[in-house]
């Protein structure tokens, strides 16, 4: 298979107004890429993708599932066995306001360490860095089971956020080493949807662990942290030895497959081993369109965090008490997994990532409006719209991330752009902590309407950005199409 040289000027310009660049260079790049890729045997290409999928996607899904369990279990611990006076808040004798501070401190450290973590991932290789993060956040989760006061809760939550910060942007970054832009949304969705599975499993596990309350004189929430942290520590050793790094370095691909894995990405994706330059960083930081992506991510981060942390609280306001409040968080997350994967598949299949995200945000936003408007005692109706709102809130995230990575072409842009997107999104996650007010139970109108407002704003921004990309592509012409939609 012929190997064509990638033009450096294309890979080093992830952003900016392409119409101002030398169009002949752009045409040469596209011609080289298309000749190389079209010469590939489709059957060989499909076999390669299957092999890559089997190595990367199940492992990434399981890693992110464990991360989601360890991040969100504090919401379960807050209510676990509260009817017996043995919840996290009751045992530690902390107030609702102190609990919110402990939630917020997680996102503060998460924001601070995301971008540095992506650089460390590149420096130490994905397998090494992700394994280190897994072991560390698993250990922090288990330590949470032994805390005895508010100070300990805040300190360990800060460290937990620091170690979990690099995982999701790191996994999205790793996908850019292995997949073309049109292949990423579904795979990002499968990984991200494990956050919904984490919510489903978290509720089910909390229900079971709740039955251990006071066994050996230990509260059930302590068992919950210890049981859910241990698999991350154990899994870290497997990730260290078996998680793949770069296409050129893995031994489970033949030389021909390694060459094809590299060749099929040229001109459309970053090669993770490339050196990140300050010039790349400056171009990325100055690219105004990326900040529109970041703003949209803030809007979806508000319901993402509020749903993740307060779903047991919201469900308890729907007429379900005690351990039933844990159990009835399972169906919304299970349905959310299916919806998230379906939306991502459609976004990839028809290359409508922006519209796929905007439609999901619109549906979720309207569902939150209804949920906040109906009477507080209309439990079944509110539960149904909670399922819709949660499902489509989560479903909007994978197309957004795939849309972003599809329009980042260089290693520098991907190394910086992806974690910046998620880091800035933490502003929304911090806001999501404060919108479900305890004194508004059981209706929680402020929380529902706030989520609705941010999602509808995100819908408007996503549609506007999509229109901008369409117009830019039209100016470039059909043969020079640059921006992914």
Protein backbone atom coordinates (compact mmCIF):
# COMPACT_ATOMS: atom_id res chain seq x y z
CA UNK A 1 0.00 0.00 0.00
CA UNK A 2 1.52 3.35 -0.95
CA UNK A 3 2.28 5.74 1.85
CA UNK A 4 1.73 9.41 1.07
CA UNK A 5 3.46 12.22 2.88
CA UNK A 6 1.13 14.41 4.94
CA UNK A 7 1.50 18.14 4.40
CA UNK A 8 2.70 19.76 7.57
CA UNK A 9 0.90 23.03 6.89
CA UNK A 10 -2.47 21.29 7.13
CA UNK A 11 -1.73 19.35 10.32
CA UNK A 12 -0.34 22.38 12.08
CA UNK A 13 -3.42 24.53 11.40
CA UNK A 14 -6.24 23.01 13.35
CA UNK A 15 -8.25 26.14 13.22
CA UNK A 16 -8.59 29.61 11.86
CA UNK A 17 -10.20 30.81 8.66
CA UNK A 18 -9.16 28.16 6.17
CA UNK A 19 -10.35 30.25 3.28
CA UNK A 20 -7.35 32.50 4.03
CA UNK A 21 -4.87 29.64 3.65
CA UNK A 22 -3.32 28.48 0.41
CA UNK A 23 -6.17 26.51 -1.20
CA UNK A 24 -3.76 24.61 -3.43
CA UNK A 25 -2.08 23.13 -0.35
CA UNK A 26 -5.44 22.08 1.02
CA UNK A 27 -6.36 20.44 -2.28
CA UNK A 28 -3.02 18.57 -2.38
CA UNK A 29 -3.59 17.25 1.13
CA UNK A 30 -7.10 16.09 0.38
CA UNK A 31 -6.02 14.50 -2.91
CA UNK A 32 -3.17 12.59 -1.23
CA UNK A 33 -5.39 11.44 1.60
CA UNK A 34 -8.23 10.32 -0.65
CA UNK A 35 -5.92 8.47 -3.06
CA UNK A 36 -4.31 6.63 -0.15
CA UNK A 37 -7.54 5.81 1.62
CA UNK A 38 -9.54 4.85 -1.47
CA UNK A 39 -6.77 2.43 -2.46
CA UNK A 40 -7.38 0.44 0.71
CA UNK A 41 -9.24 -2.83 0.44
CA UNK A 42 -12.61 -2.18 2.20
CA UNK A 43 -12.60 -5.68 3.65
CA UNK A 44 -9.12 -5.14 5.14
CA UNK A 45 -10.23 -1.80 6.51
CA UNK A 46 -13.28 -3.35 8.22
CA UNK A 47 -11.17 -6.17 9.67
CA UNK A 48 -8.73 -3.62 11.06
CA UNK A 49 -11.49 -1.52 12.64
CA UNK A 50 -13.01 -4.63 14.21
CA UNK A 51 -9.67 -5.56 15.75
CA UNK A 52 -9.13 -2.04 17.06
CA UNK A 53 -12.67 -1.91 18.43
CA UNK A 54 -12.29 -5.14 20.34
CA UNK A 55 -9.10 -3.91 21.98
CA UNK A 56 -10.05 -0.32 22.81
CA UNK A 57 -13.81 0.14 23.19
CA UNK A 58 -14.79 -2.54 25.76
CA UNK A 59 -11.77 -1.66 27.90
CA UNK A 60 -12.52 2.08 27.71
CA UNK A 61 -16.18 1.46 28.55
CA UNK A 62 -15.31 -0.59 31.61
CA UNK A 63 -12.74 1.97 32.79
CA UNK A 64 -15.21 4.82 32.46
CA UNK A 65 -17.95 2.78 34.13
CA UNK A 66 -15.71 2.30 37.17
CA UNK A 67 -14.84 6.00 37.14
CA UNK A 68 -18.53 6.96 37.00
CA UNK A 69 -19.36 4.65 39.89
CA UNK A 70 -16.62 6.16 42.03
CA UNK A 71 -17.60 9.71 41.12
CA UNK A 72 -21.36 9.49 41.60
CA UNK A 73 -21.65 7.20 44.60
CA UNK A 74 -21.58 10.17 46.96
CA UNK A 75 -25.12 10.96 45.78
CA UNK A 76 -26.21 7.47 46.80
CA UNK A 77 -24.33 7.72 50.10
CA UNK A 78 -26.14 10.96 50.93
CA UNK A 79 -29.50 9.16 51.20
CA UNK A 80 -28.45 5.59 51.93
CA UNK A 81 -30.29 4.40 55.08
CA UNK A 82 -31.29 7.95 55.95
CA UNK A 83 -34.53 6.54 57.34
CA UNK A 84 -32.39 4.76 59.99
CA UNK A 85 -30.19 7.78 60.73
CA UNK A 86 -27.13 6.19 59.08
CA UNK A 87 -26.63 8.22 55.89
CA UNK A 88 -23.36 9.99 55.04
CA UNK A 89 -24.69 13.37 56.19
CA UNK A 90 -26.14 11.98 59.43
CA UNK A 91 -23.05 9.98 60.38
CA UNK A 92 -20.59 12.84 59.74
CA UNK A 93 -23.03 15.42 61.17
CA UNK A 94 -22.64 17.77 58.21
CA UNK A 95 -25.20 20.17 56.78
CA UNK A 96 -26.62 20.31 53.27
CA UNK A 97 -24.43 23.36 52.61
CA UNK A 98 -21.27 21.52 53.68
CA UNK A 99 -22.27 18.61 51.47
CA UNK A 100 -22.53 20.98 48.49
CA UNK A 101 -19.05 22.34 49.28
CA UNK A 102 -17.69 18.77 49.21
CA UNK A 103 -19.32 18.27 45.81
CA UNK A 104 -17.95 21.55 44.48
CA UNK A 105 -14.36 20.92 45.59
CA UNK A 106 -14.31 17.82 43.40
CA UNK A 107 -15.02 19.92 40.31
CA UNK A 108 -12.49 22.57 41.30
CA UNK A 109 -9.67 20.04 41.25
CA UNK A 110 -11.20 18.34 38.20
CA UNK A 111 -11.00 21.64 36.31
CA UNK A 112 -7.45 22.40 37.41
CA UNK A 113 -5.93 19.05 36.47
CA UNK A 114 -7.67 18.05 33.22
CA UNK A 115 -5.39 19.80 30.75
CA UNK A 116 -2.13 18.93 32.59
CA UNK A 117 -3.32 15.33 32.75
CA UNK A 118 -3.66 15.13 28.96
CA UNK A 119 -0.05 16.25 28.58
CA UNK A 120 1.04 13.64 31.10
CA UNK A 121 -0.90 10.99 29.18
CA UNK A 122 1.05 11.89 26.07
CA UNK A 123 4.36 11.96 27.95
CA UNK A 124 3.98 8.63 29.75
CA UNK A 125 1.82 6.75 27.17
CA UNK A 126 -1.93 6.14 27.58
CA UNK A 127 -1.64 2.70 29.19
CA UNK A 128 0.72 3.90 31.92
CA UNK A 129 -1.05 7.13 32.76
CA UNK A 130 -4.60 5.74 32.71
CA UNK A 131 -3.50 2.83 34.92
CA UNK A 132 -1.98 5.27 37.42
CA UNK A 133 -5.17 7.37 37.47
CA UNK A 134 -7.34 4.28 37.97
CA UNK A 135 -5.37 3.02 40.94
CA UNK A 136 -5.29 6.47 42.52
CA UNK A 137 -9.00 7.26 42.22
CA UNK A 138 -9.90 3.73 43.38
CA UNK A 139 -7.73 4.22 46.46
CA UNK A 140 -9.33 7.62 47.16
CA UNK A 141 -12.80 6.10 46.89
CA UNK A 142 -11.92 3.38 49.39
CA UNK A 143 -10.43 5.99 51.74
CA UNK A 144 -13.77 7.82 51.63
CA UNK A 145 -15.19 4.82 53.46
CA UNK A 146 -13.00 5.63 56.44
CA UNK A 147 -13.49 9.39 56.84
CA UNK A 148 -14.91 10.72 60.10
CA UNK A 149 -15.53 14.43 59.55
CA UNK A 150 -16.25 17.19 57.04
CA UNK A 151 -12.57 18.08 56.58
CA UNK A 152 -11.73 14.53 55.59
CA UNK A 153 -14.62 14.46 53.09
CA UNK A 154 -13.46 17.68 51.42
CA UNK A 155 -9.78 16.65 51.26
CA UNK A 156 -10.44 13.23 49.77
CA UNK A 157 -13.01 14.59 47.31
CA UNK A 158 -10.39 17.10 46.11
CA UNK A 159 -7.90 14.29 45.49
CA UNK A 160 -10.57 12.17 43.83
CA UNK A 161 -11.31 14.98 41.40
CA UNK A 162 -7.60 15.44 40.68
CA UNK A 163 -7.14 11.79 39.70
CA UNK A 164 -10.41 11.39 37.79
CA UNK A 165 -9.87 14.63 35.86
CA UNK A 166 -7.71 13.17 33.13
CA UNK A 167 -9.72 10.09 32.28
CA UNK A 168 -12.55 11.20 30.03
CA UNK A 169 -10.64 13.81 27.98
CA UNK A 170 -7.78 11.31 27.87
CA UNK A 171 -9.98 8.56 26.43
CA UNK A 172 -11.46 10.95 23.85
CA UNK A 173 -7.92 12.03 22.96
CA UNK A 174 -6.81 8.40 22.57
CA UNK A 175 -9.63 7.77 20.10
CA UNK A 176 -8.16 10.43 17.80
CA UNK A 177 -5.03 8.26 17.46
CA UNK A 178 -7.07 5.33 16.15
CA UNK A 179 -10.26 6.50 14.39
CA UNK A 180 -11.30 8.83 11.62
CA UNK A 181 -13.66 11.71 12.56
CA UNK A 182 -16.77 10.02 11.13
CA UNK A 183 -16.05 6.93 13.24
CA UNK A 184 -15.81 8.58 16.64
CA UNK A 185 -19.28 9.71 17.77
CA UNK A 186 -20.66 6.21 18.28
CA UNK A 187 -17.53 5.09 20.10
CA UNK A 188 -17.45 8.19 22.29
CA UNK A 189 -21.13 7.51 23.01
CA UNK A 190 -20.46 3.92 24.03
CA UNK A 191 -17.84 5.18 26.49
CA UNK A 192 -19.83 8.13 27.78
CA UNK A 193 -23.01 6.08 28.01
CA UNK A 194 -21.24 4.10 30.69
CA UNK A 195 -21.87 7.13 32.90
CA UNK A 196 -25.55 6.25 32.57
CA UNK A 197 -24.73 2.61 33.22
CA UNK A 198 -22.73 3.80 36.22
CA UNK A 199 -25.86 5.52 37.47
CA UNK A 200 -27.94 2.40 36.89
CA UNK A 201 -25.42 0.05 38.51
CA UNK A 202 -24.77 2.59 41.25
CA UNK A 203 -28.43 2.63 42.23
CA UNK A 204 -28.68 -1.15 42.14
CA UNK A 205 -25.45 -1.64 44.11
CA UNK A 206 -26.52 0.97 46.68
CA UNK A 207 -29.81 -0.87 47.12
CA UNK A 208 -27.97 -4.14 47.83
CA UNK A 209 -25.28 -2.58 50.00
CA UNK A 210 -27.96 -0.75 51.97
CA UNK A 211 -29.02 -4.12 53.34
CA UNK A 212 -25.59 -4.41 55.01
CA UNK A 213 -26.25 -1.38 57.18
CA UNK A 214 -24.78 -1.74 60.69
CA UNK A 215 -23.14 -5.08 59.84
CA UNK A 216 -20.11 -5.30 62.17
CA UNK A 217 -21.12 -1.86 63.43
CA UNK A 218 -20.31 -0.17 60.10
CA UNK A 219 -22.69 2.09 58.17
CA UNK A 220 -23.69 0.91 54.70
CA UNK A 221 -22.33 4.02 52.96
CA UNK A 222 -18.84 3.08 54.14
CA UNK A 223 -19.23 -0.38 52.60
CA UNK A 224 -20.44 1.31 49.41
CA UNK A 225 -17.26 3.34 48.97
CA UNK A 226 -14.97 0.43 49.78
CA UNK A 227 -16.79 -2.04 47.51
CA UNK A 228 -16.91 0.36 44.55
CA UNK A 229 -13.32 1.57 44.86
CA UNK A 230 -11.65 -1.85 44.93
CA UNK A 231 -12.31 -2.84 41.26
CA UNK A 232 -10.58 0.31 40.01
CA UNK A 233 -7.45 -0.50 41.98
CA UNK A 234 -7.42 -4.08 40.70
CA UNK A 235 -8.20 -3.10 37.10
CA UNK A 236 -5.30 -0.65 37.00
CA UNK A 237 -2.80 -3.53 36.76
CA UNK A 238 -4.60 -5.00 33.74
CA UNK A 239 -4.70 -1.59 32.02
CA UNK A 240 -0.97 -1.08 32.62
CA UNK A 241 -0.06 -4.20 30.66
CA UNK A 242 -2.81 -4.50 28.05
CA UNK A 243 -4.34 -1.12 27.14
CA UNK A 244 -3.13 -0.06 23.64
CA UNK A 245 -1.05 3.08 23.13
CA UNK A 246 -0.41 4.05 19.49
CA UNK A 247 -1.06 2.17 16.21
CA UNK A 248 2.67 2.08 15.40
CA UNK A 249 3.65 0.47 18.69
CA UNK A 250 1.17 -2.33 19.35
CA UNK A 251 2.28 -5.91 18.81
CA UNK A 252 -1.20 -7.36 18.15
CA UNK A 253 -1.34 -5.71 14.69
CA UNK A 254 0.69 -7.03 11.78
CA UNK A 255 3.13 -4.62 10.06
CA UNK A 256 0.64 -4.19 7.21
CA UNK A 257 -2.19 -3.44 9.65
CA UNK A 258 -0.05 -0.93 11.54
CA UNK A 259 0.75 0.85 8.29
CA UNK A 260 -2.92 0.93 7.32
CA UNK A 261 -3.93 2.15 10.80
CA UNK A 262 -1.59 5.13 10.40
CA UNK A 263 -2.29 5.82 6.75
CA UNK A 264 -6.07 5.96 7.08
CA UNK A 265 -5.78 8.83 9.60
CA UNK A 266 -3.45 11.11 7.66
CA UNK A 267 -4.94 14.50 6.93
CA UNK A 268 -8.04 13.90 9.05
CA UNK A 269 -6.77 13.17 12.58
CA UNK A 270 -3.84 13.70 14.91
CA UNK A 271 -1.00 11.26 15.41
CA UNK A 272 -0.59 11.10 19.15
CA UNK A 273 3.18 10.72 19.14
CA UNK A 274 3.72 14.00 17.25
CA UNK A 275 5.46 16.73 19.23
CA UNK A 276 3.22 19.45 20.59
CA UNK A 277 4.59 22.89 19.72
CA UNK A 278 3.92 26.28 21.24
CA UNK A 279 2.82 27.45 17.79
CA UNK A 280 0.12 24.76 17.78
CA UNK A 281 -0.98 25.82 21.24
CA UNK A 282 -1.21 29.51 20.29
CA UNK A 283 -3.28 28.75 17.20
CA UNK A 284 -5.64 26.60 19.25
CA UNK A 285 -6.02 29.17 22.04
CA UNK A 286 -6.74 31.96 19.55
CA UNK A 287 -9.38 30.03 17.61
CA UNK A 288 -12.64 31.76 18.52
CA UNK A 289 -14.91 29.03 17.12
CA UNK A 290 -13.57 26.56 19.70
CA UNK A 291 -14.89 28.80 22.46
CA UNK A 292 -18.37 28.38 21.02
CA UNK A 293 -17.87 24.61 21.38
CA UNK A 294 -16.77 25.21 24.97
CA UNK A 295 -19.82 27.38 25.74
CA UNK A 296 -22.14 24.69 24.42
CA UNK A 297 -20.40 22.14 26.61
CA UNK A 298 -21.01 24.35 29.65
CA UNK A 299 -24.74 24.31 28.90
CA UNK A 300 -24.94 20.51 28.82
CA UNK A 301 -22.66 20.15 31.84
CA UNK A 302 -25.25 21.72 34.15
CA UNK A 303 -27.83 18.91 33.73
CA UNK A 304 -25.03 16.32 33.43
CA UNK A 305 -23.78 17.04 36.95
CA UNK A 306 -27.15 17.78 38.54
CA UNK A 307 -28.60 14.51 37.21
CA UNK A 308 -25.52 12.51 38.18
CA UNK A 309 -25.37 13.83 41.73
CA UNK A 310 -29.01 14.38 42.59
CA UNK A 311 -30.96 11.67 40.78
CA UNK A 312 -31.59 9.78 44.07
CA UNK A 313 -32.72 13.08 45.62
CA UNK A 314 -34.99 13.87 42.66
CA UNK A 315 -36.44 10.37 42.71
CA UNK A 316 -37.08 10.63 46.44
CA UNK A 317 -39.14 13.71 45.60
CA UNK A 318 -41.24 11.61 43.23
CA UNK A 319 -42.74 9.58 46.04
CA UNK A 320 -40.03 6.90 46.43
CA UNK A 321 -38.39 6.69 49.85
CA UNK A 322 -35.61 4.76 51.57
CA UNK A 323 -33.93 2.08 49.52
CA UNK A 324 -36.67 2.40 46.86
CA UNK A 325 -35.22 5.81 45.99
CA UNK A 326 -31.95 4.02 45.10
CA UNK A 327 -33.72 1.32 43.11
CA UNK A 328 -35.86 3.69 41.04
CA UNK A 329 -32.78 5.55 39.75
CA UNK A 330 -31.94 2.45 37.69
CA UNK A 331 -34.58 2.68 34.87
CA UNK A 332 -33.78 6.30 33.84
CA UNK A 333 -30.09 5.48 33.48
CA UNK A 334 -30.72 2.18 31.68
CA UNK A 335 -32.98 3.91 29.16
CA UNK A 336 -30.47 6.76 28.94
CA UNK A 337 -27.78 4.31 27.85
CA UNK A 338 -29.91 3.13 24.91
CA UNK A 339 -30.90 6.67 23.88
CA UNK A 340 -27.30 7.92 24.07
CA UNK A 341 -26.00 5.14 21.83
CA UNK A 342 -28.88 5.56 19.35
CA UNK A 343 -28.36 9.33 19.00
CA UNK A 344 -24.61 8.86 18.52
CA UNK A 345 -25.14 6.18 15.87
CA UNK A 346 -27.50 8.43 13.92
CA UNK A 347 -25.11 11.39 14.26
CA UNK A 348 -22.25 9.32 12.86
CA UNK A 349 -24.33 7.56 10.21
CA UNK A 350 -25.67 10.76 8.68
CA UNK A 351 -22.78 13.08 9.70
CA UNK A 352 -25.08 15.47 11.59
CA UNK A 353 -23.22 15.74 14.87
CA UNK A 354 -24.19 19.35 15.52
CA UNK A 355 -27.85 18.80 14.74
CA UNK A 356 -27.86 15.53 16.69
CA UNK A 357 -26.60 17.36 19.77
CA UNK A 358 -28.97 20.30 19.26
CA UNK A 359 -32.01 18.02 18.87
CA UNK A 360 -31.10 16.10 22.03
CA UNK A 361 -30.68 19.32 24.01
CA UNK A 362 -34.00 20.63 22.73
CA UNK A 363 -35.90 17.48 23.76
CA UNK A 364 -34.23 17.40 27.18
CA UNK A 365 -34.83 21.11 27.73
CA UNK A 366 -38.53 20.82 26.93
CA UNK A 367 -38.83 17.76 29.20
CA UNK A 368 -37.34 19.74 32.09
CA UNK A 369 -39.83 22.56 31.42
CA UNK A 370 -42.71 20.10 31.69
CA UNK A 371 -41.22 18.48 34.78
CA UNK A 372 -40.99 21.82 36.51
CA UNK A 373 -44.51 22.86 35.48
CA UNK A 374 -46.64 19.87 36.43
CA UNK A 375 -48.04 19.53 39.98
CA UNK A 376 -45.58 18.23 42.56
CA UNK A 377 -47.84 15.29 43.37
CA UNK A 378 -48.09 14.09 39.74
CA UNK A 379 -45.45 11.48 40.51
CA UNK A 380 -45.83 9.16 37.52
CA UNK A 381 -45.92 11.99 34.98
CA UNK A 382 -42.90 13.68 36.54
CA UNK A 383 -41.00 10.39 36.65
CA UNK A 384 -41.68 9.81 32.95
CA UNK A 385 -40.39 13.24 31.97
CA UNK A 386 -37.40 12.79 34.27
CA UNK A 387 -36.48 9.70 32.25
CA UNK A 388 -36.74 11.68 28.98
CA UNK A 389 -34.81 14.66 30.35
CA UNK A 390 -31.98 12.57 31.79
CA UNK A 391 -31.70 10.36 28.68
CA UNK A 392 -31.43 13.18 26.14
CA UNK A 393 -29.21 15.33 28.38
CA UNK A 394 -26.62 12.56 28.35
CA UNK A 395 -27.26 11.82 24.65
CA UNK A 396 -26.21 15.34 23.62
CA UNK A 397 -22.64 14.98 24.90
CA UNK A 398 -21.08 12.36 22.55
CA UNK A 399 -22.06 14.18 19.32
CA UNK A 400 -20.69 17.42 20.80
CA UNK A 401 -17.33 15.84 21.61
CA UNK A 402 -17.16 14.04 18.28
CA UNK A 403 -18.02 17.31 16.53
CA UNK A 404 -15.18 19.06 18.34
CA UNK A 405 -12.54 16.39 17.68
CA UNK A 406 -13.61 16.14 14.02
CA UNK A 407 -12.60 19.78 13.59
CA UNK A 408 -9.25 19.47 15.39
CA UNK A 409 -6.62 18.22 12.97
CA UNK A 410 -3.27 18.40 14.75
CA UNK A 411 -1.79 16.78 17.83
CA UNK A 412 -1.39 20.17 19.48
CA UNK A 413 -5.01 21.08 18.88
CA UNK A 414 -6.28 17.74 20.20
CA UNK A 415 -3.94 17.70 23.20
CA UNK A 416 -5.13 21.14 24.27
CA UNK A 417 -8.61 21.50 22.74
CA UNK A 418 -10.24 18.37 24.17
CA UNK A 419 -9.29 18.88 27.84
CA UNK A 420 -9.97 22.62 27.59
CA UNK A 421 -13.46 21.80 26.38
CA UNK A 422 -14.11 19.47 29.31
CA UNK A 423 -12.32 21.73 31.83
CA UNK A 424 -14.32 24.81 30.88
CA UNK A 425 -17.41 22.63 31.01
CA UNK A 426 -16.75 22.15 34.72
CA UNK A 427 -18.14 25.66 35.20
CA UNK A 428 -21.49 24.16 34.26
CA UNK A 429 -20.94 21.14 36.48
CA UNK A 430 -20.25 23.39 39.47
CA UNK A 431 -23.45 25.34 38.78
CA UNK A 432 -25.34 22.06 38.58
CA UNK A 433 -24.41 21.32 42.19
CA UNK A 434 -26.45 24.24 43.54
CA UNK A 435 -29.67 24.20 41.53
CA UNK A 436 -31.61 21.44 43.36
CA UNK A 437 -32.48 23.17 46.63
CA UNK A 438 -33.48 21.06 49.61
CA UNK A 439 -36.17 23.55 50.67
CA UNK A 440 -37.95 23.13 47.31
CA UNK A 441 -38.67 19.42 47.70
CA UNK A 442 -40.50 17.60 46.25
CA UNK A 443 -41.01 19.71 43.11
CA UNK A 444 -37.52 21.28 42.76
CA UNK A 445 -38.69 23.92 40.22
CA UNK A 446 -35.43 25.90 40.32
CA UNK A 447 -33.40 22.84 39.36
CA UNK A 448 -35.69 21.78 36.52
CA UNK A 449 -36.07 25.27 35.04
CA UNK A 450 -32.35 26.00 35.31
CA UNK A 451 -31.51 22.80 33.46
CA UNK A 452 -34.11 23.69 30.83
CA UNK A 453 -32.72 27.19 30.35
CA UNK A 454 -29.15 26.01 29.85
CA UNK A 455 -30.18 23.24 27.46
CA UNK A 456 -32.28 25.57 25.32
CA UNK A 457 -29.41 28.07 25.24
CA UNK A 458 -27.10 25.24 24.16
CA UNK A 459 -29.54 24.31 21.41
CA UNK A 460 -29.40 27.85 20.03
CA UNK A 461 -25.60 27.97 20.15
CA UNK A 462 -25.23 24.56 18.49
CA UNK A 463 -27.56 25.49 15.64
CA UNK A 464 -25.70 28.79 15.18
CA UNK A 465 -22.31 27.03 15.06
CA UNK A 466 -23.67 24.46 12.61
CA UNK A 467 -24.89 27.27 10.31
CA UNK A 468 -21.45 28.91 10.48
CA UNK A 469 -19.72 25.68 9.44
CA UNK A 470 -22.19 25.17 6.58
CA UNK A 471 -21.49 28.67 5.26
CA UNK A 472 -17.73 28.19 5.51
CA UNK A 473 -17.93 24.94 3.60
CA UNK A 474 -19.98 26.62 0.88
CA UNK A 475 -17.33 29.31 0.47
CA UNK A 476 -14.69 26.62 0.09
CA UNK A 477 -16.68 24.61 -2.44
CA UNK A 478 -17.76 20.94 -2.45
CA UNK A 479 -14.28 19.60 -3.30
CA UNK A 480 -12.59 21.57 -0.51
CA UNK A 481 -14.97 20.81 2.32
CA UNK A 482 -13.09 21.43 5.54
CA UNK A 483 -15.51 21.62 8.44
CA UNK A 484 -17.31 18.59 9.80
CA UNK A 485 -20.97 19.03 10.65
